[in-house]
Each structure stands twice: as structure tokens, then as C-alpha cells.
Amino acid sequence: MSEPDDADLDRAFMALADPVRRRLIARLSRGPATVNELAAPFEISKQAVSKHIQVLEQAGLVTRTRDAQRRPVHLDPARLETLTAWIDQYRLVQERRFRGLDAVLHAQSQPGGPTARHHPPTEEKKT
């Protein structure tokens, strides 16, 4: 899988920034659909839905095929995987940092840990 360039990422994330397009992606995750099927749950025109699909196509997130008189729209899972991989590389960096912080905090909380050696607990004064 190739690394997406900035223009690819911009097109994909801008396409996904719209709630109608995200709902179209969610619908297409269940299987291909025609424009009429995709437009049914929305209170917008089929032309508007077609424009949203066109934006998703330009972003490479969906494709259209021809099936006799139908032109079903398909989700491109490989493209979504590319976006997920791009996000994951940064998520994994943050996870490693948090795991390192967890290890330091755990070591400090243990008796004889680094904090205990440098700052031994003081005994309460009895009056």
C-alpha cells in the first residue's frame, strides 16, 4: 500500500468532513447501492446526492460500475484502509508515549521505586 500524498489526504478528509457524505459511506459499507437507493433516506434532491457521490469519487472513496441499466456505487475499502493507516501511524506514536509514561508512573508507585528512594516517606509526628 502506497503512502498517500497531501493532495490525496486533503481530498479524502474534505470529502469526509460533510455529514451527508459520511452517511453515504456508512450506507455503502453494507453493500453497493444506486443513487436512488442512496438518496432515499435524505430530504435532498437526487442531484444533490449525485454531487456528493461525485466528491466521494474524486476522493477515491467510492467507485461506480455498470450493471445493465444500473450504475451501482461501491465503497473502496482499500482507500479507507490507506486513510486508517495514515491515522494509525500517529496514534501508535502517542500510544508508545503513553505506555512509557505508564511504566514510569508504575515504577514510581512501587515501594523502593525511584520516587521512594529520592523522597522517602516521612513518619507522622506523635504528639
Foldseek 3Di string as FASTA:
>chain_A
DDADDPVLVVLQVVLVVDPLLVVLLVVQVVHWDALCVSCVVDPDDSVVSVVSVVSCVVSVQWDWDDDPPTTIIHGDVVSVVSVVVVVVVVVVVVVVVVVVVVVQVVQCVDCVRPVCVVPPDDDDDDD
